[in-house]
Protein backbone atom coordinates (compact mmCIF):
# COMPACT_ATOMS: atom_id res chain seq x y z
CA MET A 1 113.36 116.30 106.37
CA GLY A 2 113.08 120.30 104.68
CA SER A 3 112.28 123.27 106.37
CA VAL A 4 108.42 124.39 106.70
CA ARG A 5 107.14 126.60 104.17
CA TYR A 6 103.47 127.95 103.36
CA PHE A 7 102.31 128.52 99.62
CA SER A 8 99.19 130.11 98.00
CA ALA A 9 98.08 129.14 95.54
CA ILE A 10 100.50 131.12 92.96
CA ASP A 11 103.42 130.24 94.43
CA ILE A 12 102.05 126.37 93.59
CA LEU A 13 102.08 127.28 89.71
CA GLN A 14 105.54 128.94 90.28
CA ILE A 15 107.57 126.03 92.13
CA GLY A 16 108.89 122.55 91.70
CA CYS A 17 109.06 121.46 94.75
CA ILE A 18 106.86 118.37 96.50
CA ILE A 19 103.79 119.07 97.10
CA PHE A 20 101.15 116.95 98.72
CA LEU A 21 97.20 118.49 98.03
CA MET A 22 94.92 117.54 100.49
CA ASP A 23 91.57 118.05 99.17
CA LEU A 24 88.16 116.42 99.38
CA ARG A 25 88.78 115.51 95.43
CA ASP A 26 91.95 113.94 96.08
CA LYS A 27 92.91 110.59 97.60
CA LEU A 28 95.95 109.82 100.20
CA THR A 29 97.45 106.31 98.54
CA LEU A 30 99.30 104.19 100.52
CA SER A 31 101.46 104.57 98.08
CA ASP A 32 101.79 108.72 99.41
CA PHE A 33 101.76 107.50 102.77
CA LYS A 34 105.10 105.16 102.09
CA PHE A 35 106.40 108.30 100.50
CA LEU A 36 105.88 110.77 103.57
CA VAL A 37 106.65 108.09 106.52
CA LEU A 38 109.18 106.32 105.36
CA GLU A 39 111.16 108.14 102.90
CA ASN A 40 111.27 111.01 104.84
CA GLU A 41 109.66 113.51 102.57
CA SER A 42 108.75 116.90 103.19
CA ILE A 43 105.34 118.05 102.91
CA GLU A 44 104.53 121.55 101.67
CA ILE A 45 100.68 122.65 102.74
CA PRO A 46 98.99 125.18 99.80
CA HIS A 47 97.30 128.18 101.96
CA ILE A 48 93.95 127.03 100.55
CA TYR A 49 94.14 124.85 103.54
CA TRP A 50 95.34 126.45 105.94
CA GLU A 51 92.25 128.48 105.02
CA ARG A 52 90.31 125.62 105.25
CA VAL A 53 91.26 125.15 108.88
CA LYS A 54 90.43 128.84 109.92
CA GLU A 55 86.67 128.71 108.41
CA SER A 56 86.25 125.74 110.78
CA HIS A 57 87.74 127.72 113.75
CA HIS A 58 85.28 130.59 113.18
CA LEU A 59 82.32 128.23 113.22
CA LEU A 60 83.40 127.19 116.69
CA GLU A 61 84.12 130.72 118.03
CA ARG A 62 80.40 131.29 117.01
CA VAL A 63 79.06 128.12 118.25
CA LEU A 64 80.87 129.18 121.28
CA LYS A 65 78.64 132.02 121.83
CA ASP A 66 75.32 130.26 121.31
CA LYS A 67 75.40 129.08 124.95
CA LYS A 68 74.23 125.93 123.95
CA ALA A 69 75.83 122.62 125.50
CA HIS A 70 78.26 120.67 122.51
CA TYR A 71 79.68 117.94 123.27
CA GLY A 72 83.55 118.27 123.94
CA ILE A 73 83.42 122.00 123.56
CA ASN A 74 82.09 123.26 126.70
CA THR A 75 80.72 119.75 128.35
CA GLY A 76 82.84 116.65 129.83
CA PHE A 77 83.60 113.69 128.09
CA GLY A 78 82.03 110.07 127.64
CA GLN A 79 79.85 109.45 130.86
CA LEU A 80 80.38 112.80 132.09
CA ALA A 81 79.04 114.60 128.84
CA ASN A 82 75.70 115.81 130.49
CA LYS A 83 78.62 118.15 132.71
CA ARG A 84 78.41 121.51 131.25
CA ILE A 85 81.72 123.34 131.85
CA GLY A 86 81.66 127.15 132.28
CA GLU A 87 83.06 129.56 129.96
CA ASP A 88 86.03 130.31 132.17
CA LYS A 89 87.11 126.34 132.45
CA LEU A 90 87.11 125.55 128.55
CA ASP A 91 90.99 125.51 128.10
CA LYS A 92 91.74 123.69 131.27
CA LEU A 93 89.08 121.06 130.49
CA GLN A 94 91.16 120.85 127.35
CA GLU A 95 94.61 119.95 128.84
CA HIS A 96 92.83 117.73 131.89
CA LEU A 97 91.70 115.75 128.95
CA ILE A 98 95.26 115.13 127.87
CA LEU A 99 97.02 114.54 131.00
CA SER A 100 93.65 112.37 132.49
CA HIS A 101 93.80 110.20 129.15
CA SER A 102 97.98 110.23 128.84
CA ALA A 103 97.95 106.43 130.64
CA GLY A 104 99.66 104.25 127.70
CA VAL A 105 101.70 101.15 129.45
CA GLY A 106 104.45 99.17 127.50
CA CYS A 107 107.02 99.65 125.16
CA ASP A 108 107.05 102.64 122.44
CA LEU A 109 105.94 102.54 119.46
CA PRO A 110 107.66 102.58 116.64
CA LEU A 111 108.69 105.70 115.61
CA ASP A 112 107.23 105.32 111.94
CA ILE A 113 104.11 104.52 113.46
CA VAL A 114 103.86 107.49 115.82
CA LYS A 115 104.98 109.66 112.50
CA GLY A 116 102.32 108.14 110.57
CA ALA A 117 99.79 108.85 113.07
CA MET A 118 100.85 112.24 113.43
CA PHE A 119 100.46 112.52 109.82
CA LEU A 120 96.97 111.21 109.53
CA ARG A 121 95.62 113.11 112.33
CA LEU A 122 97.56 116.34 110.18
CA PHE A 123 95.44 115.17 107.27
CA CYS A 124 91.88 115.22 109.23
CA PHE A 125 92.84 118.87 110.24
CA LEU A 126 93.41 120.24 106.83
CA LYS A 127 89.39 118.75 106.20
CA GLY A 128 88.56 121.56 108.09
CA LYS A 129 85.72 119.82 109.91
CA SER A 130 87.41 120.06 113.54
CA GLY A 131 87.07 123.62 114.39
CA VAL A 132 90.92 123.51 115.73
CA ARG A 133 93.15 127.02 115.86
CA GLU A 134 95.96 126.70 113.18
CA GLN A 135 98.45 126.26 115.73
CA ILE A 136 97.43 123.28 116.10
CA PRO A 137 98.16 121.63 112.75
CA LYS A 138 100.93 123.91 112.31
CA MET A 139 102.71 122.41 115.83
CA LEU A 140 101.87 118.85 114.39
CA HIS A 141 103.72 119.92 110.82
CA SER A 142 106.46 121.04 112.23
CA MET A 143 107.52 118.60 114.66
CA ILE A 144 107.65 116.05 111.75
CA GLU A 145 109.32 118.12 109.65
CA LYS A 146 112.10 118.83 112.50
CA GLY A 147 111.93 115.18 113.65
CA VAL A 148 110.51 115.53 116.87
CA ILE A 149 108.49 111.90 117.24
CA PRO A 150 106.32 111.75 120.87
CA ALA A 151 107.56 108.29 123.44
CA VAL A 152 104.25 106.78 122.80
CA PRO A 153 103.60 103.49 124.67
CA SER A 154 101.97 100.88 122.66
CA LYS A 155 99.20 99.42 125.00
CA GLY A 156 95.91 101.38 126.39
CA SER A 157 94.11 101.93 123.42
CA VAL A 158 90.43 100.22 123.12
CA GLY A 159 89.61 101.13 119.24
CA ALA A 160 86.94 103.29 120.03
CA SER A 161 86.48 106.93 121.17
CA GLY A 162 89.77 106.72 118.64
CA ASP A 163 93.23 105.30 120.27
CA LEU A 164 92.75 107.51 122.97
CA ALA A 165 95.50 107.06 125.24
CA PRO A 166 97.85 106.49 122.66
CA SER A 167 97.14 110.13 120.76
CA ALA A 168 97.26 111.62 123.90
CA HIS A 169 101.26 110.95 124.61
CA ILE A 170 101.84 112.62 121.43
CA ALA A 171 99.31 115.59 122.36
CA LEU A 172 101.28 115.76 125.74
CA VAL A 173 104.27 116.92 123.69
CA LEU A 174 102.66 119.76 121.90
CA LEU A 175 102.31 120.89 125.54
CA GLY A 176 105.48 120.57 126.40
CA LYS A 177 105.02 117.44 128.38
CA GLY A 178 105.73 113.60 127.99
CA PHE A 179 108.83 112.33 126.11
CA ALA A 180 109.93 112.69 122.71
CA TYR A 181 112.43 110.96 120.64
CA TYR A 182 114.61 113.13 118.62
CA LYS A 183 118.43 112.68 116.54
CA GLY A 184 117.90 109.29 118.02
CA LYS A 185 117.57 110.00 121.98
CA ARG A 186 114.43 109.81 123.84
CA ILE A 187 114.59 113.34 125.44
CA SER A 188 111.83 115.28 127.58
CA GLY A 189 109.03 116.47 125.79
CA SER A 190 110.11 120.14 126.55
CA GLU A 191 113.94 119.64 125.75
CA ALA A 192 112.59 118.69 122.09
CA LEU A 193 110.47 121.40 122.30
CA LYS A 194 113.63 123.74 122.96
CA LYS A 195 115.65 122.10 120.59
CA ASN A 196 113.78 123.19 117.78
CA GLU A 197 112.90 126.57 119.31
CA LEU A 198 108.73 125.42 119.56
CA GLU A 199 106.83 127.20 121.87
CA PRO A 200 104.88 124.75 124.20
CA VAL A 201 100.77 125.01 123.20
CA ARG A 202 97.94 126.72 125.49
CA LEU A 203 94.81 124.65 124.25
CA GLU A 204 91.36 126.21 123.54
CA ALA A 205 88.07 124.57 123.38
CA LYS A 206 87.76 121.01 121.71
CA GLU A 207 91.52 121.26 120.48
CA GLY A 208 92.28 118.60 123.43
CA LEU A 209 89.32 116.04 122.40
CA SER A 210 90.23 116.77 118.37
CA LEU A 211 94.10 115.85 119.08
CA ILE A 212 92.87 112.45 121.01
CA ASN A 213 89.69 111.39 119.15
CA GLY A 214 90.74 109.39 116.00
CA THR A 215 91.81 106.17 114.72
CA GLN A 216 94.82 107.28 113.33
CA PHE A 217 97.24 105.05 115.69
CA MET A 218 95.57 101.30 114.05
CA THR A 219 95.17 103.12 111.32
CA SER A 220 99.02 104.13 110.62
CA ILE A 221 99.58 100.31 111.71
CA ALA A 222 97.37 98.41 109.30
CA ALA A 223 99.37 101.21 106.02
CA LEU A 224 102.64 100.01 107.01
CA SER A 225 102.04 96.25 107.81
CA LEU A 226 99.97 96.69 104.37
CA ILE A 227 103.14 98.08 102.43
CA ARG A 228 105.50 95.47 103.81
CA SER A 229 102.33 92.41 103.72
CA LYS A 230 102.62 93.21 99.58
CA ARG A 231 106.21 92.85 99.26
CA LEU A 232 105.65 89.47 101.14
CA ILE A 233 103.15 87.98 98.88
CA GLN A 234 105.12 89.47 95.91
CA TYR A 235 107.97 87.61 97.36
CA ALA A 236 105.97 84.42 98.24
CA ASP A 237 105.26 83.46 94.47
CA TYR A 238 109.21 83.48 93.88
CA LEU A 239 110.00 81.53 96.99
CA ALA A 240 107.24 79.08 95.97
CA ALA A 241 108.92 78.53 92.69
CA SER A 242 111.94 78.59 93.83
CA SER A 243 111.03 74.98 96.37
CA ILE A 244 109.22 73.82 93.49
CA GLU A 245 112.85 73.79 91.23
CA CYS A 246 114.04 72.38 94.00
CA ILE A 247 112.18 69.60 94.12
CA GLY A 248 112.11 68.97 90.48
CA GLY A 249 108.29 70.06 90.74
CA ARG A 250 105.82 69.59 87.80
CA LYS A 251 104.83 72.89 85.90
CA GLU A 252 101.20 71.31 85.08
CA PRO A 253 99.27 73.19 87.75
CA PHE A 254 100.94 76.64 86.90
CA GLU A 255 99.38 76.41 82.82
CA PRO A 256 97.08 79.26 82.29
CA GLU A 257 94.54 77.08 81.16
CA ILE A 258 93.59 75.83 84.76
CA HIS A 259 93.28 79.44 86.35
CA LYS A 260 91.67 81.11 83.26
CA VAL A 261 88.12 78.74 84.94
CA ARG A 262 88.94 80.17 88.32
CA PRO A 263 89.05 83.75 86.73
CA TYR A 264 90.28 85.07 90.44
CA GLN A 265 92.85 87.82 89.40
CA GLY A 266 95.43 86.84 92.26
CA GLN A 267 95.32 83.08 91.07
CA ILE A 268 96.41 83.80 87.88
CA GLU A 269 99.28 86.51 88.60
CA SER A 270 100.62 84.00 91.20
CA ALA A 271 100.35 81.28 88.57
CA SER A 272 101.73 83.10 85.69
CA THR A 273 104.92 84.43 87.85
CA ILE A 274 105.83 80.83 89.18
CA LEU A 275 105.27 79.55 85.40
CA ARG A 276 107.41 82.12 84.23
CA LEU A 277 110.13 81.61 86.74
CA LEU A 278 110.55 77.97 85.73
CA ASN A 279 110.81 78.72 82.35
CA HIS A 280 114.51 77.18 80.31
CA SER A 281 114.78 74.62 83.57
CA LYS A 282 117.48 72.30 83.10
CA ILE A 283 116.39 70.15 86.57
CA LYS A 284 115.10 66.96 86.25
CA ARG A 285 111.79 66.41 87.29
CA SER A 286 110.25 64.16 89.09
CA GLU A 287 108.28 61.55 88.54
CA ARG A 288 105.29 61.65 90.82
CA VAL A 289 102.30 62.38 89.40
CA GLN A 290 101.76 65.15 91.62
CA ASP A 291 102.95 67.42 93.93
CA PRO A 292 101.98 68.18 97.75
CA TYR A 293 99.71 70.91 98.26
CA SER A 294 101.85 73.42 99.18
CA PHE A 295 103.88 73.30 95.97
CA ARG A 296 100.82 72.46 93.69
CA CYS A 297 98.19 74.39 95.19
CA SER A 298 100.49 77.84 95.46
CA PRO A 299 98.29 79.61 93.55
CA GLN A 300 95.08 79.06 94.70
CA VAL A 301 96.56 80.09 98.52
CA HIS A 302 98.43 82.90 97.48
CA GLY A 303 96.08 84.43 94.88
CA ALA A 304 93.59 84.49 97.62
CA ILE A 305 95.88 86.47 100.06
CA LYS A 306 96.28 88.68 97.37
CA GLU A 307 92.44 89.64 97.14
CA VAL A 308 92.36 90.22 100.40
CA ILE A 309 95.22 92.29 100.86
CA LYS A 310 93.64 94.21 97.80
CA PHE A 311 90.44 94.46 99.87
CA CYS A 312 92.38 95.73 103.09
CA GLU A 313 94.35 98.26 100.96
CA ALA A 314 90.73 99.79 99.52
CA MET A 315 89.67 99.66 103.06
CA THR A 316 93.05 101.38 104.77
CA GLU A 317 92.76 104.49 102.19
CA ILE A 318 89.23 104.86 102.78
CA GLU A 319 90.33 104.96 106.46
CA MET A 320 93.56 107.48 106.02
CA ASN A 321 91.21 109.90 104.18
CA ALA A 322 88.62 110.37 106.37
CA VAL A 323 87.84 112.53 109.43
CA THR A 324 87.30 110.53 112.78
CA ASP A 325 87.27 112.96 115.18
CA ASN A 326 84.23 114.25 117.01
CA PRO A 327 82.26 116.29 117.17
CA LEU A 328 82.31 117.76 113.46
CA LEU A 329 81.31 121.00 112.12
CA PHE A 330 79.13 121.60 108.97
CA GLU A 331 78.93 124.86 107.99
CA ASP A 332 76.20 125.83 110.59
CA ARG A 333 76.05 122.71 112.24
CA VAL A 334 77.74 120.76 115.22
CA LEU A 335 76.94 117.15 114.35
CA SER A 336 78.23 114.77 117.17
CA GLY A 337 78.27 111.22 115.83
CA GLY A 338 80.79 108.14 116.29
CA ASN A 339 83.80 108.20 113.18
CA PHE A 340 85.90 107.47 115.95
CA HIS A 341 84.55 103.64 116.11
CA GLY A 342 87.74 101.49 115.12
CA GLU A 343 85.41 99.18 113.91
CA PRO A 344 86.26 98.99 110.05
CA VAL A 345 89.46 99.44 110.39
CA ALA A 346 90.02 96.59 113.18
CA PHE A 347 88.64 94.25 110.50
CA VAL A 348 91.01 95.05 108.12
CA ILE A 349 93.55 94.83 110.67
CA ASP A 350 92.26 90.84 111.48
CA PHE A 351 91.46 89.91 107.93
CA MET A 352 95.66 90.81 107.61
CA LYS A 353 96.18 88.89 110.06
CA ILE A 354 95.00 86.05 109.43
CA ALA A 355 96.27 86.02 105.29
CA LEU A 356 99.49 86.45 106.75
CA THR A 357 99.26 83.48 108.67
CA GLU A 358 97.86 81.69 105.84
CA LEU A 359 100.97 82.82 103.66
CA SER A 360 103.19 81.89 106.44
CA SER A 361 101.74 77.98 106.78
CA ILE A 362 101.98 77.35 103.29
CA SER A 363 105.76 78.71 103.67
CA GLU A 364 106.88 76.34 106.58
CA ARG A 365 105.05 73.42 104.76
CA ARG A 366 107.02 73.75 101.68
CA THR A 367 110.22 74.31 104.32
CA ALA A 368 109.25 71.14 105.87
CA HIS A 369 109.14 69.05 102.60
CA LEU A 370 112.70 70.49 101.59
CA MET A 371 113.93 68.74 104.43
CA ASP A 372 112.75 65.28 103.05
CA PRO A 373 115.23 63.70 101.17
CA ASP A 374 112.17 61.29 99.71
CA ILE A 375 111.25 64.80 97.82
CA THR A 376 114.67 66.51 97.22
CA ASN A 377 116.73 63.42 96.30
CA LEU A 378 119.05 65.55 98.33
CA GLU A 379 120.83 64.47 101.39
CA PRO A 380 118.37 65.00 105.17
CA PHE A 381 118.10 68.43 105.83
CA LEU A 382 120.01 69.87 103.33
CA THR A 383 123.13 69.40 104.72
CA LYS A 384 126.10 66.95 103.78
CA ASP A 385 127.21 63.99 106.12
CA PRO A 386 124.16 64.24 107.53
CA GLY A 387 124.25 63.09 111.51
CA ILE A 388 127.53 65.11 112.58
CA ASN A 389 125.93 68.17 110.90
CA SER A 390 122.36 68.45 111.45
CA GLY A 391 122.18 71.52 108.47
CA TYR A 392 118.56 73.12 108.44
CA MET A 393 116.78 70.96 110.84
CA ILE A 394 116.10 73.27 113.50
CA PRO A 395 115.66 77.07 111.06
CA HIS A 396 112.54 74.79 109.96
CA THR A 397 111.57 74.02 113.88
CA THR A 398 111.68 77.55 114.09
CA SER A 399 109.40 78.18 111.03
CA ALA A 400 107.10 75.52 112.97
CA SER A 401 107.08 77.76 116.15
CA LEU A 402 106.67 80.82 114.24
CA VAL A 403 103.46 79.79 112.39
CA SER A 404 101.66 78.24 115.48
CA ARG A 405 102.13 81.80 117.06
CA ASN A 406 101.04 83.40 113.98
CA LYS A 407 97.87 81.17 114.70
CA SER A 408 97.56 82.50 118.31
CA LEU A 409 97.81 85.95 117.23
CA SER A 410 94.80 85.64 114.12
CA TYR A 411 92.49 84.66 116.12
CA PRO A 412 90.13 88.28 115.92
CA SER A 413 90.53 91.01 118.25
CA VAL A 414 87.25 92.72 116.55
CA VAL A 415 85.20 90.23 118.24
CA ASP A 416 85.52 91.03 121.67
CA SER A 417 84.31 94.16 123.48
CA ILE A 418 84.65 94.92 127.34
CA PRO A 419 82.85 98.31 127.87
CA THR A 420 83.97 101.17 129.40
CA SER A 421 83.44 104.94 130.97
CA LEU A 422 80.60 103.33 132.86
CA ASN A 423 78.69 101.98 129.52
CA GLN A 424 78.40 104.86 127.75
CA GLU A 425 81.51 103.41 125.66
CA ASP A 426 79.17 99.77 125.65
CA HIS A 427 80.90 98.70 122.47
CA VAL A 428 84.18 98.86 121.42
CA SER A 429 86.33 97.28 118.26
CA MET A 430 89.81 96.64 120.12
CA GLY A 431 91.60 97.09 116.62
CA MET A 432 94.50 98.66 118.10
CA ASN A 433 95.32 95.57 120.18
CA GLY A 434 94.22 93.77 117.02
CA ALA A 435 97.21 95.82 115.33
CA LEU A 436 99.71 95.19 117.78
CA SER A 437 99.32 91.61 116.97
CA LEU A 438 99.77 92.30 113.53
CA LEU A 439 102.54 93.98 114.08
CA GLU A 440 103.89 90.82 114.91
CA THR A 441 102.63 88.50 112.63
CA VAL A 442 103.89 90.50 109.58
CA GLU A 443 107.46 90.05 111.33
CA ASN A 444 106.93 86.46 111.66
CA THR A 445 105.94 85.86 108.61
CA ALA A 446 109.10 87.51 107.22
CA TYR A 447 111.32 85.39 109.01
CA VAL A 448 109.29 81.96 107.74
CA LEU A 449 109.72 83.35 104.42
CA ALA A 450 113.43 83.90 105.22
CA ILE A 451 113.86 80.15 106.35
CA GLU A 452 112.27 79.37 103.21
CA LEU A 453 114.45 81.36 101.21
CA LEU A 454 117.73 80.04 102.38
CA SER A 455 116.48 76.43 102.63
CA ALA A 456 115.62 76.84 98.87
CA THR A 457 119.16 78.31 97.98
CA GLN A 458 121.02 75.92 100.29
CA GLY A 459 118.94 73.04 98.07
CA LEU A 460 119.66 74.40 94.75
CA ARG A 461 123.12 74.74 95.36
CA MET A 462 123.48 70.92 96.48
CA LYS A 463 121.05 69.99 93.99
CA ASP A 464 122.79 71.81 90.55
CA TRP A 465 122.98 75.42 90.70
CA GLU A 466 123.45 75.76 87.21
CA LYS A 467 120.64 73.92 85.81
CA ALA A 468 118.19 76.07 87.98
CA ALA A 469 115.94 78.33 85.45
CA PRO A 470 117.73 81.84 85.06
CA GLY A 471 114.66 83.57 86.77
CA ILE A 472 114.93 81.62 89.63
CA LYS A 473 118.73 81.84 89.51
CA GLU A 474 118.67 85.91 89.48
CA PHE A 475 115.88 85.95 92.14
CA LEU A 476 118.31 83.76 94.65
CA SER A 477 121.34 85.75 93.65
CA THR A 478 121.22 88.29 96.01
CA VAL A 479 121.43 85.56 98.96
CA LYS A 480 123.89 83.44 97.10
CA GLU A 481 126.36 86.16 97.24
CA ILE A 482 125.81 87.44 100.95
CA ILE A 483 124.89 83.98 102.40
CA PRO A 484 127.90 80.84 101.88
CA PRO A 485 127.03 77.92 101.59
CA TYR A 486 126.34 75.43 104.59
CA ASP A 487 128.47 72.88 104.37
CA ILE A 488 129.18 72.72 108.02
CA ASP A 489 126.81 73.32 111.03
CA ARG A 490 127.37 77.00 111.87
CA GLU A 491 125.08 79.43 113.95
CA HIS A 492 122.03 79.87 111.71
CA TYR A 493 120.72 83.16 113.42
CA ASN A 494 122.69 85.35 111.15
CA ASP A 495 122.02 84.44 107.96
CA ILE A 496 117.83 84.58 109.03
CA GLU A 497 118.13 87.74 110.10
CA THR A 498 119.90 88.64 107.32
CA VAL A 499 117.14 87.53 104.92
CA LYS A 500 114.48 88.45 106.89
CA ASP A 501 115.36 92.72 106.41
CA LEU A 502 116.23 91.91 103.10
CA ILE A 503 112.31 91.34 102.54
CA LEU A 504 110.89 93.23 104.59
CA ASN A 505 113.21 95.88 103.10
CA GLY A 506 112.40 94.92 99.94
CA LYS A 507 116.08 94.23 98.31
CA LEU A 508 115.52 91.63 96.63
């Protein structure tokens, strides 16, 4: 990662470095998020945005002089909002908030999720509505650039008032407490800061609340899951075509006339891709009048999933660009509301789980048919000498198990709500619970697609590889090169893991 630098408006015109402009007219996109979080690009923040942060803090300082009660600034939190805090205790109030809210449990979240949440919180502060001093976003920025990523337990957020517990574990490291990952090691927060010549911050009025009050964790998971889900659905069309080729399936269901009269864009795209891939095939077509739905209706199912993903991407990008802490500062007003409530993101997360479960379900059905000699005209379970060899029998069983698990995970978390804080926070989104389920659903679906991919490759090897359509041979070439033919039983798990990683990393 690059070093931290800050530029004036004049500097921007004179340099050719990577600059991410956070402006209310601009929009952070999913592609930007991928670029910054997964590709480890440095972010350069022009001076104008630090001016915005300064102006917001100056407003907060004026508010503190009006002697009125302002939630989270000079009062307690949640059910304790009516407790007025003396001026001499405002700093201690913010530190106590972080310490008391650091109540997460379970395994640490993947570092890309935590890094994504840090970026999103940084972007939120740069909007100039939070009242924090420059020191707070600059500290976040420095930690990101230097690779200091807090250790954040995965469980403990109900998705309203923001992701409080996970965010508190980030804030702990800013205070020189808690734990962080640095250069692959989990070390104390104080040691991580010391190694990078960073001084712990001492929180002032509202800063602790601003650090933890927001939807950044569930939004980070939604964004990263969308990036991976878009790969899965794109590969799914290629997989469907490969499986159709393996069974000598009919091409008529993918003719454009059928899809133009039901003009969902995703369906049209999927049908076009499948038909294009089947072009110039020399595989003998089956004499079946119709193929099973999982082959014939692939465009309708895949297309519907694509429409869901488009909707989820649009919603997630709104949230990525939103200010979700509370209260917010607007010129001469301090307004307390509920932008921290995770309901929009929670719906997106649950919708994605349902869509991916369907994607895994139709893939598993195609894999099941590839095991059947009546469908493929090949040996059972795609193996030579069946009986002594079990072939792909158990990989399909694994696929069935994963799909069943996805069905359990896809139950919507957002419909649950358990009131907290003595019923002051009486309706919550449970978006983070849904997000943790989404992470597993994405991985499970990648495994299911990998098993279909391995099965289709094996089937075409057994049928007649040279007669397969050129587009399908090209798509399967990577797998064919690195996975040897399955001529005699061997362990499957290495093959499945390898191909799953190829899919998730977009390497096919």
